[in-house]
C-alpha atoms as a PDB file:
ATOM      1  CA  MET A   1     -51.547 -18.971   8.636  1.00  0.00           C
ATOM      2  CA  GLU A   2     -52.881 -22.537   8.543  1.00  0.00           C
ATOM      3  CA  ARG A   3     -54.300 -22.013   5.037  1.00  0.00           C
ATOM      4  CA  ILE A   4     -50.892 -20.921   3.735  1.00  0.00           C
ATOM      5  CA  PHE A   5     -49.297 -24.005   5.316  1.00  0.00           C
ATOM      6  CA  ALA A   6     -51.926 -26.317   3.765  1.00  0.00           C
ATOM      7  CA  GLU A   7     -51.562 -24.716   0.320  1.00  0.00           C
ATOM      8  CA  GLU A   8     -47.779 -25.146   0.440  1.00  0.00           C
ATOM      9  CA  ILE A   9     -48.091 -28.832   1.386  1.00  0.00           C
ATOM     10  CA  ALA A  10     -50.538 -29.334  -1.520  1.00  0.00           C
ATOM     11  CA  ARG A  11     -48.233 -27.506  -3.959  1.00  0.00           C
ATOM     12  CA  VAL A  12     -45.173 -29.566  -3.035  1.00  0.00           C
ATOM     13  CA  THR A  13     -47.067 -32.879  -2.971  1.00  0.00           C
ATOM     14  CA  THR A  14     -48.653 -32.384  -6.403  1.00  0.00           C
ATOM     15  CA  ARG A  15     -45.313 -31.219  -7.875  1.00  0.00           C
ATOM     16  CA  LEU A  16     -43.531 -34.320  -6.567  1.00  0.00           C
ATOM     17  CA  ALA A  17     -46.277 -36.596  -7.951  1.00  0.00           C
ATOM     18  CA  SER A  18     -45.608 -35.394 -11.523  1.00  0.00           C
ATOM     19  CA  ILE A  19     -49.193 -36.191 -12.552  1.00  0.00           C
ATOM     20  CA  ALA A  20     -51.146 -33.581 -14.510  1.00  0.00           C
ATOM     21  CA  GLY A  21     -54.325 -32.571 -12.706  1.00  0.00           C
ATOM     22  CA  ALA A  22     -53.458 -34.436  -9.486  1.00  0.00           C
ATOM     23  CA  ARG A  23     -55.270 -33.263  -6.339  1.00  0.00           C
ATOM     24  CA  THR A  24     -54.548 -33.616  -2.637  1.00  0.00           C
ATOM     25  CA  GLY A  25     -56.260 -32.515   0.547  1.00  0.00           C
ATOM     26  CA  SER A  26     -55.883 -31.611   4.189  1.00  0.00           C
ATOM     27  CA  VAL A  27     -57.872 -30.626   7.261  1.00  0.00           C
ATOM     28  CA  GLY A  28     -56.612 -28.152   9.832  1.00  0.00           C
ATOM     29  CA  PHE A  29     -57.879 -26.437  12.949  1.00  0.00           C
ATOM     30  CA  PRO A  30     -56.530 -24.152  15.675  1.00  0.00           C
ATOM     31  CA  GLN A  31     -56.231 -25.294  19.275  1.00  0.00           C
ATOM     32  CA  ARG A  32     -56.499 -22.350  21.636  1.00  0.00           C
ATOM     33  CA  PHE A  33     -55.818 -23.855  25.064  1.00  0.00           C
ATOM     34  CA  GLY A  34     -53.326 -26.256  26.610  1.00  0.00           C
ATOM     35  CA  SER A  35     -54.138 -29.148  28.944  1.00  0.00           C
ATOM     36  CA  SER A  36     -54.281 -26.869  32.006  1.00  0.00           C
ATOM     37  CA  LEU A  37     -56.576 -24.346  30.241  1.00  0.00           C
ATOM     38  CA  ASN A  38     -53.687 -21.947  29.671  1.00  0.00           C
ATOM     39  CA  VAL A  39     -53.695 -19.917  26.455  1.00  0.00           C
ATOM     40  CA  HIS A  40     -51.534 -21.867  24.001  1.00  0.00           C
ATOM     41  CA  VAL A  41     -52.600 -21.155  20.411  1.00  0.00           C
ATOM     42  CA  HIS A  42     -51.273 -23.634  17.856  1.00  0.00           C
ATOM     43  CA  PHE A  43     -52.496 -25.512  14.775  1.00  0.00           C
ATOM     44  CA  HIS A  44     -53.147 -29.162  14.017  1.00  0.00           C
ATOM     45  CA  THR A  45     -53.119 -30.373  10.402  1.00  0.00           C
ATOM     46  CA  LEU A  46     -53.935 -33.747   8.848  1.00  0.00           C
ATOM     47  CA  ALA A  47     -52.675 -33.989   5.265  1.00  0.00           C
ATOM     48  CA  ILE A  48     -53.029 -36.776   2.709  1.00  0.00           C
ATOM     49  CA  ASP A  49     -49.674 -38.406   1.996  1.00  0.00           C
ATOM     50  CA  GLY A  50     -50.128 -38.624  -1.763  1.00  0.00           C
ATOM     51  CA  VAL A  51     -52.389 -37.386  -4.541  1.00  0.00           C
ATOM     52  CA  PHE A  52     -55.628 -38.346  -6.246  1.00  0.00           C
ATOM     53  CA  GLU A  53     -55.924 -38.565 -10.013  1.00  0.00           C
ATOM     54  CA  LYS A  54     -59.187 -38.164 -11.913  1.00  0.00           C
ATOM     55  CA  THR A  55     -59.712 -40.977 -14.430  1.00  0.00           C
ATOM     56  CA  ALA A  56     -62.289 -41.116 -17.212  1.00  0.00           C
ATOM     57  CA  SER A  57     -63.861 -44.440 -16.240  1.00  0.00           C
ATOM     58  CA  CYS A  58     -63.491 -44.467 -12.467  1.00  0.00           C
ATOM     59  CA  GLY A  59     -63.973 -40.939 -11.189  1.00  0.00           C
ATOM     60  CA  THR A  60     -61.383 -39.930  -8.617  1.00  0.00           C
ATOM     61  CA  ALA A  61     -58.982 -42.662  -7.537  1.00  0.00           C
ATOM     62  CA  PRO A  62     -55.679 -42.691  -5.660  1.00  0.00           C
ATOM     63  CA  ALA A  63     -52.754 -42.365  -8.040  1.00  0.00           C
ATOM     64  CA  ARG A  64     -50.555 -45.477  -8.062  1.00  0.00           C
ATOM     65  CA  PRO A  65     -46.885 -45.638  -8.915  1.00  0.00           C
ATOM     66  CA  SER A  66     -46.023 -47.192 -12.275  1.00  0.00           C
ATOM     67  CA  HIS A  67     -44.285 -50.093 -10.491  1.00  0.00           C
ATOM     68  CA  SER A  68     -47.445 -51.052  -8.545  1.00  0.00           C
ATOM     69  CA  ILE A  69     -48.034 -54.811  -8.184  1.00  0.00           C
ATOM     70  CA  GLU A  70     -51.769 -54.562  -8.779  1.00  0.00           C
ATOM     71  CA  SER A  71     -52.779 -53.602 -12.290  1.00  0.00           C
ATOM     72  CA  SER A  72     -56.438 -52.700 -12.217  1.00  0.00           C
ATOM     73  CA  SER A  73     -58.323 -50.441 -14.586  1.00  0.00           C
ATOM     74  CA  CYS A  74     -60.273 -49.056 -11.621  1.00  0.00           C
ATOM     75  CA  PRO A  75     -58.135 -48.961  -8.441  1.00  0.00           C
ATOM     76  CA  MET A  76     -59.813 -49.418  -5.066  1.00  0.00           C
ATOM     77  CA  GLY A  77     -63.194 -50.186  -6.650  1.00  0.00           C
ATOM     78  CA  VAL A  78     -64.074 -46.509  -7.104  1.00  0.00           C
END
C-alpha cells in the first residue's frame, strides 16, 4: 500500500515538473502501535517536494525554475 502511494506521488510530481528525465524520492515505513501500545497500523511517508534533474557537467542537481535568481552552471555545488 505504501509503495503504491509513493509511486503515485512520484508520478504526479515529475509530471508537474515538466522536465524530461526528472527524478524524485521518498521514504516510508509502517507504524504498528499507538502511544499506549495498542495496535494502530498506519504509514508515515517523507517525500521530496520537487524533482532532481541529471545534468551533463554536474551529475544530479535539484531542478530550478526558469525564473530563479541565481544563475549557476552547477547549482548547489554538486
